[in-house]
Amino acid sequence: MIGVQQLPADRLGEWLELRNRIEADDPLGMDVLVSRRRRDPSHVDLLATLDGVPAGVGVYGHMVDDPVSPIGRTNFRVLPELRRRGVGSAVHRAVSELGRANGDEGLEGEVADPGVDTLAYLEHRGYQRVQRMIESRLELAHAAVGGEA
């Protein structure tokens, strides 16, 4: 059985622990979650369970710099070992319902380094790529300054 619930602020630690297990290479801190909720009144954090076991997380909200946009922002993740069991689809339904309830015309999200399965999942649900970004990082301790090598 799959359950999806909106988490109150006092349960954000559960969400954060699971999200950071799923995305161990890009962990978030509690300060990010609290700040996001404070800046976006429409923001909701979702926790999905599979047979009572935490299995996935999701978020719904709007762009902080465009809070009246008719496009909702979403992101959801599922533990790799629990994928293909309907957890992601349940979270997707929950964020879609939140978007409809808020009068959104659509949903958008970011997918970092998508694999074939992720792209197929999104395409099957009607998502379309609208932009491609490449994230870059410069380590200043080893960087050439002013073009010097």
N, C-alpha and C. Protein backbone atom coordinates (compact mmCIF):
# COMPACT_ATOMS: atom_id res chain seq x y z
N MET A 1 0.84 -1.18 0.00
CA MET A 1 0.00 0.00 0.00
C MET A 1 0.89 1.25 0.00
N ILE A 2 0.51 2.22 -0.84
CA ILE A 2 1.27 3.46 -0.96
C ILE A 2 0.48 4.59 -0.30
N GLY A 3 1.18 5.37 0.51
CA GLY A 3 0.58 6.54 1.13
C GLY A 3 1.43 7.77 0.83
N VAL A 4 0.77 8.90 0.65
CA VAL A 4 1.47 10.16 0.44
C VAL A 4 0.85 11.18 1.38
N GLN A 5 1.68 11.82 2.19
CA GLN A 5 1.16 12.80 3.14
C GLN A 5 1.97 14.08 3.09
N GLN A 6 1.25 15.18 3.36
CA GLN A 6 1.90 16.47 3.49
C GLN A 6 2.48 16.56 4.89
N LEU A 7 3.73 16.97 4.98
CA LEU A 7 4.39 17.00 6.29
C LEU A 7 4.33 18.38 6.93
N PRO A 8 3.98 18.42 8.20
CA PRO A 8 4.07 19.68 8.94
C PRO A 8 5.54 19.98 9.25
N ALA A 9 5.80 21.20 9.64
CA ALA A 9 7.18 21.64 9.89
C ALA A 9 7.91 20.76 10.90
N ASP A 10 7.19 20.26 11.90
CA ASP A 10 7.87 19.46 12.93
C ASP A 10 8.28 18.06 12.46
N ARG A 11 7.94 17.70 11.22
CA ARG A 11 8.33 16.39 10.68
C ARG A 11 9.29 16.52 9.49
N LEU A 12 9.82 17.71 9.28
CA LEU A 12 10.73 17.91 8.15
C LEU A 12 12.00 17.06 8.24
N GLY A 13 12.40 16.71 9.44
CA GLY A 13 13.58 15.86 9.62
C GLY A 13 13.42 14.52 8.92
N GLU A 14 12.22 13.95 8.93
CA GLU A 14 11.95 12.68 8.24
C GLU A 14 12.14 12.85 6.73
N TRP A 15 11.58 13.95 6.21
CA TRP A 15 11.69 14.23 4.78
C TRP A 15 13.15 14.39 4.40
N LEU A 16 13.87 15.19 5.19
CA LEU A 16 15.27 15.49 4.89
C LEU A 16 16.14 14.24 4.92
N GLU A 17 15.93 13.40 5.90
CA GLU A 17 16.73 12.17 6.02
C GLU A 17 16.53 11.29 4.79
N LEU A 18 15.29 11.11 4.35
CA LEU A 18 15.03 10.28 3.19
C LEU A 18 15.55 10.92 1.90
N ARG A 19 15.31 12.20 1.74
CA ARG A 19 15.79 12.91 0.55
C ARG A 19 17.30 12.80 0.43
N ASN A 20 18.01 12.95 1.55
CA ASN A 20 19.47 12.88 1.52
C ASN A 20 19.98 11.46 1.32
N ARG A 21 19.19 10.46 1.68
CA ARG A 21 19.56 9.07 1.34
C ARG A 21 19.44 8.86 -0.16
N ILE A 22 18.41 9.43 -0.76
CA ILE A 22 18.20 9.27 -2.20
C ILE A 22 19.24 10.05 -2.99
N GLU A 23 19.56 11.25 -2.54
CA GLU A 23 20.51 12.13 -3.23
C GLU A 23 21.76 12.33 -2.35
N ALA A 24 22.44 11.26 -2.05
CA ALA A 24 23.59 11.32 -1.14
C ALA A 24 24.71 12.22 -1.67
N ASP A 25 24.82 12.38 -2.98
CA ASP A 25 25.88 13.21 -3.57
C ASP A 25 25.55 14.70 -3.53
N ASP A 26 24.31 15.05 -3.17
CA ASP A 26 23.89 16.45 -3.15
C ASP A 26 22.97 16.70 -1.94
N PRO A 27 23.50 16.53 -0.73
CA PRO A 27 22.65 16.65 0.46
C PRO A 27 22.18 18.09 0.71
N LEU A 28 20.98 18.18 1.29
CA LEU A 28 20.43 19.47 1.72
C LEU A 28 20.54 19.58 3.23
N GLY A 29 20.49 20.80 3.73
CA GLY A 29 20.44 21.04 5.16
C GLY A 29 19.05 21.51 5.56
N MET A 30 18.73 21.39 6.82
CA MET A 30 17.43 21.81 7.31
C MET A 30 17.16 23.28 7.05
N ASP A 31 18.21 24.10 7.07
CA ASP A 31 18.03 25.52 6.83
C ASP A 31 17.43 25.80 5.46
N VAL A 32 17.77 24.99 4.46
CA VAL A 32 17.22 25.16 3.11
C VAL A 32 15.72 24.89 3.12
N LEU A 33 15.31 23.83 3.81
CA LEU A 33 13.88 23.50 3.87
C LEU A 33 13.08 24.57 4.58
N VAL A 34 13.57 25.03 5.70
CA VAL A 34 12.86 26.04 6.47
C VAL A 34 12.77 27.34 5.68
N SER A 35 13.85 27.73 5.04
CA SER A 35 13.86 28.95 4.24
C SER A 35 12.89 28.85 3.07
N ARG A 36 12.87 27.70 2.41
CA ARG A 36 11.98 27.51 1.27
C ARG A 36 10.53 27.66 1.70
N ARG A 37 10.17 27.09 2.82
CA ARG A 37 8.79 27.21 3.33
C ARG A 37 8.46 28.66 3.70
N ARG A 38 9.41 29.35 4.26
CA ARG A 38 9.18 30.73 4.69
C ARG A 38 8.98 31.66 3.48
N ARG A 39 9.74 31.43 2.42
CA ARG A 39 9.68 32.31 1.24
C ARG A 39 8.52 32.01 0.30
N ASP A 40 7.99 30.78 0.32
CA ASP A 40 6.93 30.38 -0.61
C ASP A 40 5.75 29.83 0.18
N PRO A 41 4.71 30.63 0.39
CA PRO A 41 3.56 30.18 1.16
C PRO A 41 2.83 28.97 0.56
N SER A 42 3.01 28.73 -0.75
CA SER A 42 2.36 27.58 -1.38
C SER A 42 3.17 26.30 -1.24
N HIS A 43 4.36 26.38 -0.68
CA HIS A 43 5.27 25.23 -0.62
C HIS A 43 4.72 24.11 0.27
N VAL A 44 4.82 22.88 -0.25
CA VAL A 44 4.39 21.69 0.48
C VAL A 44 5.48 20.62 0.32
N ASP A 45 5.80 19.96 1.42
CA ASP A 45 6.73 18.83 1.39
C ASP A 45 5.92 17.56 1.56
N LEU A 46 6.15 16.58 0.70
CA LEU A 46 5.40 15.33 0.71
C LEU A 46 6.33 14.16 1.05
N LEU A 47 5.79 13.23 1.82
CA LEU A 47 6.52 12.00 2.14
C LEU A 47 5.66 10.83 1.68
N ALA A 48 6.25 9.95 0.87
CA ALA A 48 5.55 8.76 0.39
C ALA A 48 6.07 7.53 1.12
N THR A 49 5.15 6.65 1.44
CA THR A 49 5.53 5.38 2.08
C THR A 49 5.00 4.22 1.23
N LEU A 50 5.72 3.12 1.30
CA LEU A 50 5.31 1.89 0.64
C LEU A 50 5.24 0.83 1.73
N ASP A 51 4.04 0.35 1.98
CA ASP A 51 3.81 -0.62 3.06
C ASP A 51 4.37 -0.11 4.39
N GLY A 52 4.18 1.18 4.64
CA GLY A 52 4.59 1.80 5.89
C GLY A 52 6.05 2.22 5.96
N VAL A 53 6.82 1.93 4.92
CA VAL A 53 8.25 2.25 4.90
C VAL A 53 8.47 3.51 4.06
N PRO A 54 9.19 4.52 4.58
CA PRO A 54 9.48 5.72 3.77
C PRO A 54 10.15 5.33 2.46
N ALA A 55 9.58 5.80 1.34
CA ALA A 55 10.05 5.37 0.03
C ALA A 55 10.37 6.52 -0.91
N GLY A 56 9.73 7.68 -0.72
CA GLY A 56 9.96 8.78 -1.64
C GLY A 56 9.57 10.11 -1.05
N VAL A 57 10.04 11.17 -1.68
CA VAL A 57 9.74 12.53 -1.24
C VAL A 57 9.31 13.35 -2.44
N GLY A 58 8.58 14.39 -2.17
CA GLY A 58 8.18 15.31 -3.22
C GLY A 58 8.02 16.70 -2.65
N VAL A 59 8.05 17.68 -3.54
CA VAL A 59 7.78 19.06 -3.15
C VAL A 59 6.86 19.68 -4.19
N TYR A 60 6.09 20.65 -3.73
CA TYR A 60 5.25 21.45 -4.61
C TYR A 60 5.36 22.89 -4.14
N GLY A 61 5.36 23.81 -5.06
CA GLY A 61 5.38 25.22 -4.71
C GLY A 61 5.44 26.06 -5.96
N HIS A 62 5.93 27.28 -5.81
CA HIS A 62 6.07 28.21 -6.92
C HIS A 62 7.44 28.87 -6.86
N MET A 63 7.84 29.47 -7.96
CA MET A 63 9.10 30.20 -7.98
C MET A 63 9.02 31.34 -6.97
N VAL A 64 10.04 31.50 -6.18
CA VAL A 64 10.05 32.53 -5.16
C VAL A 64 9.95 33.92 -5.78
N ASP A 65 10.61 34.12 -6.92
CA ASP A 65 10.59 35.44 -7.55
C ASP A 65 9.36 35.65 -8.44
N ASP A 66 8.47 34.65 -8.55
CA ASP A 66 7.25 34.79 -9.34
C ASP A 66 6.13 33.99 -8.66
N PRO A 67 5.71 34.41 -7.47
CA PRO A 67 4.75 33.63 -6.69
C PRO A 67 3.35 33.54 -7.31
N VAL A 68 3.02 34.40 -8.26
CA VAL A 68 1.70 34.34 -8.88
C VAL A 68 1.73 33.62 -10.24
N SER A 69 2.84 33.01 -10.56
CA SER A 69 2.95 32.27 -11.81
C SER A 69 1.88 31.18 -11.88
N PRO A 70 1.31 30.94 -13.06
CA PRO A 70 0.34 29.85 -13.21
C PRO A 70 1.00 28.49 -13.39
N ILE A 71 2.30 28.45 -13.21
CA ILE A 71 3.05 27.20 -13.33
C ILE A 71 3.59 26.80 -11.96
N GLY A 72 3.19 25.64 -11.50
CA GLY A 72 3.70 25.13 -10.22
C GLY A 72 5.06 24.49 -10.41
N ARG A 73 5.83 24.48 -9.36
CA ARG A 73 7.16 23.85 -9.37
C ARG A 73 7.09 22.57 -8.56
N THR A 74 7.69 21.52 -9.08
CA THR A 74 7.67 20.25 -8.38
C THR A 74 8.99 19.52 -8.55
N ASN A 75 9.20 18.61 -7.66
CA ASN A 75 10.33 17.70 -7.74
C ASN A 75 9.97 16.51 -6.87
N PHE A 76 10.28 15.34 -7.34
CA PHE A 76 10.05 14.16 -6.51
C PHE A 76 11.09 13.11 -6.80
N ARG A 77 11.39 12.33 -5.75
CA ARG A 77 12.43 11.32 -5.82
C ARG A 77 11.97 10.08 -5.06
N VAL A 78 12.45 8.92 -5.52
CA VAL A 78 12.11 7.64 -4.90
C VAL A 78 13.40 6.86 -4.68
N LEU A 79 13.47 6.16 -3.55
CA LEU A 79 14.64 5.31 -3.31
C LEU A 79 14.81 4.35 -4.49
N PRO A 80 16.02 4.21 -5.00
CA PRO A 80 16.23 3.36 -6.18
C PRO A 80 15.68 1.94 -6.02
N GLU A 81 15.85 1.36 -4.85
CA GLU A 81 15.41 -0.03 -4.65
C GLU A 81 13.89 -0.17 -4.56
N LEU A 82 13.17 0.97 -4.46
CA LEU A 82 11.71 0.91 -4.37
C LEU A 82 11.02 1.52 -5.59
N ARG A 83 11.78 1.77 -6.64
CA ARG A 83 11.20 2.32 -7.86
C ARG A 83 10.43 1.24 -8.62
N ARG A 84 9.58 1.72 -9.53
CA ARG A 84 8.75 0.86 -10.38
C ARG A 84 7.69 0.10 -9.58
N ARG A 85 7.24 0.71 -8.49
CA ARG A 85 6.18 0.12 -7.67
C ARG A 85 5.02 1.09 -7.47
N GLY A 86 5.05 2.23 -8.16
CA GLY A 86 3.95 3.18 -8.09
C GLY A 86 4.15 4.34 -7.13
N VAL A 87 5.29 4.38 -6.44
CA VAL A 87 5.53 5.45 -5.47
C VAL A 87 5.66 6.80 -6.18
N GLY A 88 6.48 6.86 -7.22
CA GLY A 88 6.65 8.10 -7.96
C GLY A 88 5.34 8.58 -8.56
N SER A 89 4.55 7.66 -9.08
CA SER A 89 3.25 8.02 -9.65
C SER A 89 2.31 8.57 -8.59
N ALA A 90 2.35 8.01 -7.39
CA ALA A 90 1.50 8.50 -6.30
C ALA A 90 1.90 9.92 -5.90
N VAL A 91 3.20 10.19 -5.83
CA VAL A 91 3.66 11.54 -5.51
C VAL A 91 3.29 12.50 -6.64
N HIS A 92 3.45 12.04 -7.87
CA HIS A 92 3.08 12.86 -9.02
C HIS A 92 1.59 13.23 -8.97
N ARG A 93 0.73 12.28 -8.65
CA ARG A 93 -0.71 12.58 -8.51
C ARG A 93 -0.94 13.62 -7.42
N ALA A 94 -0.23 13.48 -6.31
CA ALA A 94 -0.41 14.41 -5.19
C ALA A 94 0.01 15.84 -5.58
N VAL A 95 1.13 15.99 -6.25
CA VAL A 95 1.56 17.33 -6.64
C VAL A 95 0.66 17.89 -7.74
N SER A 96 0.16 17.03 -8.61
CA SER A 96 -0.78 17.48 -9.65
C SER A 96 -2.07 17.99 -9.02
N GLU A 97 -2.56 17.29 -8.00
CA GLU A 97 -3.76 17.74 -7.28
C GLU A 97 -3.52 19.07 -6.58
N LEU A 98 -2.35 19.25 -5.99
CA LEU A 98 -2.02 20.53 -5.35
C LEU A 98 -1.99 21.65 -6.39
N GLY A 99 -1.41 21.37 -7.55
CA GLY A 99 -1.36 22.36 -8.62
C GLY A 99 -2.76 22.75 -9.09
N ARG A 100 -3.60 21.75 -9.31
CA ARG A 100 -4.97 22.05 -9.73
C ARG A 100 -5.71 22.87 -8.67
N ALA A 101 -5.54 22.50 -7.42
CA ALA A 101 -6.21 23.21 -6.33
C ALA A 101 -5.75 24.67 -6.24
N ASN A 102 -4.51 24.93 -6.66
CA ASN A 102 -3.97 26.29 -6.63
C ASN A 102 -4.21 27.03 -7.95
N GLY A 103 -4.91 26.42 -8.88
CA GLY A 103 -5.21 27.08 -10.15
C GLY A 103 -4.07 27.08 -11.15
N ASP A 104 -3.09 26.21 -10.96
CA ASP A 104 -1.96 26.16 -11.89
C ASP A 104 -2.39 25.63 -13.25
N GLU A 105 -1.72 26.12 -14.28
CA GLU A 105 -1.94 25.64 -15.64
C GLU A 105 -1.03 24.47 -15.98
N GLY A 106 0.04 24.33 -15.23
CA GLY A 106 1.00 23.26 -15.50
C GLY A 106 1.98 23.12 -14.36
N LEU A 107 2.85 22.13 -14.49
CA LEU A 107 3.91 21.88 -13.51
C LEU A 107 5.24 21.86 -14.24
N GLU A 108 6.28 22.29 -13.55
CA GLU A 108 7.62 22.18 -14.10
C GLU A 108 8.57 21.79 -12.98
N GLY A 109 9.67 21.20 -13.37
CA GLY A 109 10.68 20.80 -12.41
C GLY A 109 12.02 20.67 -13.11
N GLU A 110 13.03 20.46 -12.32
CA GLU A 110 14.37 20.27 -12.85
C GLU A 110 14.78 18.82 -12.65
N VAL A 111 15.46 18.28 -13.65
CA VAL A 111 15.97 16.92 -13.57
C VAL A 111 17.46 17.00 -13.81
N ALA A 112 18.23 16.74 -12.78
CA ALA A 112 19.69 16.79 -12.89
C ALA A 112 20.18 15.42 -13.36
N ASP A 113 20.95 15.42 -14.43
CA ASP A 113 21.57 14.20 -14.94
C ASP A 113 20.57 13.05 -15.08
N PRO A 114 19.53 13.24 -15.90
CA PRO A 114 18.50 12.20 -16.00
C PRO A 114 19.00 10.96 -16.73
N GLY A 115 18.60 9.82 -16.21
CA GLY A 115 18.89 8.56 -16.88
C GLY A 115 17.77 8.21 -17.83
N VAL A 116 17.95 7.13 -18.56
CA VAL A 116 16.96 6.68 -19.54
C VAL A 116 15.62 6.42 -18.87
N ASP A 117 15.61 5.79 -17.70
CA ASP A 117 14.35 5.49 -17.01
C ASP A 117 13.62 6.76 -16.59
N THR A 118 14.36 7.75 -16.10
CA THR A 118 13.74 9.01 -15.68
C THR A 118 13.13 9.73 -16.86
N LEU A 119 13.87 9.80 -17.96
CA LEU A 119 13.35 10.46 -19.15
C LEU A 119 12.10 9.76 -19.67
N ALA A 120 12.10 8.43 -19.67
CA ALA A 120 10.93 7.67 -20.12
C ALA A 120 9.73 7.93 -19.21
N TYR A 121 9.97 7.97 -17.90
CA TYR A 121 8.90 8.23 -16.93
C TYR A 121 8.25 9.59 -17.22
N LEU A 122 9.06 10.61 -17.38
CA LEU A 122 8.54 11.96 -17.60
C LEU A 122 7.84 12.08 -18.95
N GLU A 123 8.42 11.51 -19.97
CA GLU A 123 7.81 11.57 -21.30
C GLU A 123 6.45 10.86 -21.30
N HIS A 124 6.38 9.73 -20.64
CA HIS A 124 5.13 8.96 -20.56
C HIS A 124 4.01 9.77 -19.91
N ARG A 125 4.36 10.69 -19.02
CA ARG A 125 3.37 11.52 -18.32
C ARG A 125 3.15 12.87 -18.99
N GLY A 126 3.77 13.08 -20.14
CA GLY A 126 3.51 14.28 -20.90
C GLY A 126 4.44 15.46 -20.66
N TYR A 127 5.47 15.27 -19.85
CA TYR A 127 6.44 16.35 -19.64
C TYR A 127 7.26 16.53 -20.91
N GLN A 128 7.62 17.77 -21.18
CA GLN A 128 8.44 18.10 -22.33
C GLN A 128 9.65 18.90 -21.86
N ARG A 129 10.78 18.63 -22.48
CA ARG A 129 11.99 19.39 -22.16
C ARG A 129 11.81 20.80 -22.71
N VAL A 130 12.01 21.80 -21.85
CA VAL A 130 11.88 23.18 -22.29
C VAL A 130 13.21 23.92 -22.22
N GLN A 131 14.15 23.37 -21.49
CA GLN A 131 15.45 24.02 -21.36
C GLN A 131 16.46 22.99 -20.92
N ARG A 132 17.68 23.16 -21.37
CA ARG A 132 18.76 22.29 -20.92
C ARG A 132 19.83 23.17 -20.32
N MET A 133 20.26 22.81 -19.11
CA MET A 133 21.28 23.60 -18.41
C MET A 133 22.48 22.72 -18.11
N ILE A 134 23.62 23.34 -18.10
CA ILE A 134 24.84 22.64 -17.68
C ILE A 134 25.38 23.40 -16.48
N GLU A 135 25.44 22.71 -15.36
CA GLU A 135 25.95 23.33 -14.15
C GLU A 135 27.47 23.25 -14.17
N SER A 136 28.10 24.35 -13.84
CA SER A 136 29.55 24.41 -13.81
C SER A 136 30.02 24.86 -12.43
N ARG A 137 31.20 24.46 -12.08
CA ARG A 137 31.76 24.86 -10.79
C ARG A 137 33.24 25.19 -10.99
N LEU A 138 33.69 26.27 -10.38
CA LEU A 138 35.09 26.68 -10.44
C LEU A 138 35.67 26.60 -9.04
N GLU A 139 36.67 25.78 -8.86
CA GLU A 139 37.36 25.68 -7.58
C GLU A 139 38.37 26.82 -7.52
N LEU A 140 38.10 27.83 -6.72
CA LEU A 140 38.92 29.04 -6.69
C LEU A 140 40.34 28.80 -6.19
N ALA A 141 40.53 27.80 -5.37
CA ALA A 141 41.87 27.55 -4.86
C ALA A 141 42.85 27.15 -5.97
N HIS A 142 42.31 26.61 -7.07
CA HIS A 142 43.16 26.12 -8.16
C HIS A 142 42.91 26.87 -9.47
N ALA A 143 42.15 27.94 -9.43
CA ALA A 143 41.75 28.64 -10.65
C ALA A 143 42.81 29.64 -11.09
N ALA A 144 42.93 29.76 -12.39
CA ALA A 144 43.78 30.80 -12.96
C ALA A 144 43.01 32.11 -12.84
N VAL A 145 43.69 33.18 -12.49
CA VAL A 145 43.04 34.48 -12.34
C VAL A 145 43.34 35.32 -13.57
N GLY A 146 42.30 35.93 -14.14
CA GLY A 146 42.50 36.81 -15.28
C GLY A 146 43.07 36.11 -16.50
N GLY A 147 42.78 34.84 -16.65
CA GLY A 147 43.23 34.10 -17.82
C GLY A 147 44.65 33.55 -17.67
N GLU A 148 45.31 33.80 -16.54
CA GLU A 148 46.65 33.26 -16.32
C GLU A 148 46.55 31.79 -15.96
N ALA A 149 47.49 31.01 -16.43
CA ALA A 149 47.48 29.58 -16.14
C ALA A 149 48.55 29.23 -15.15
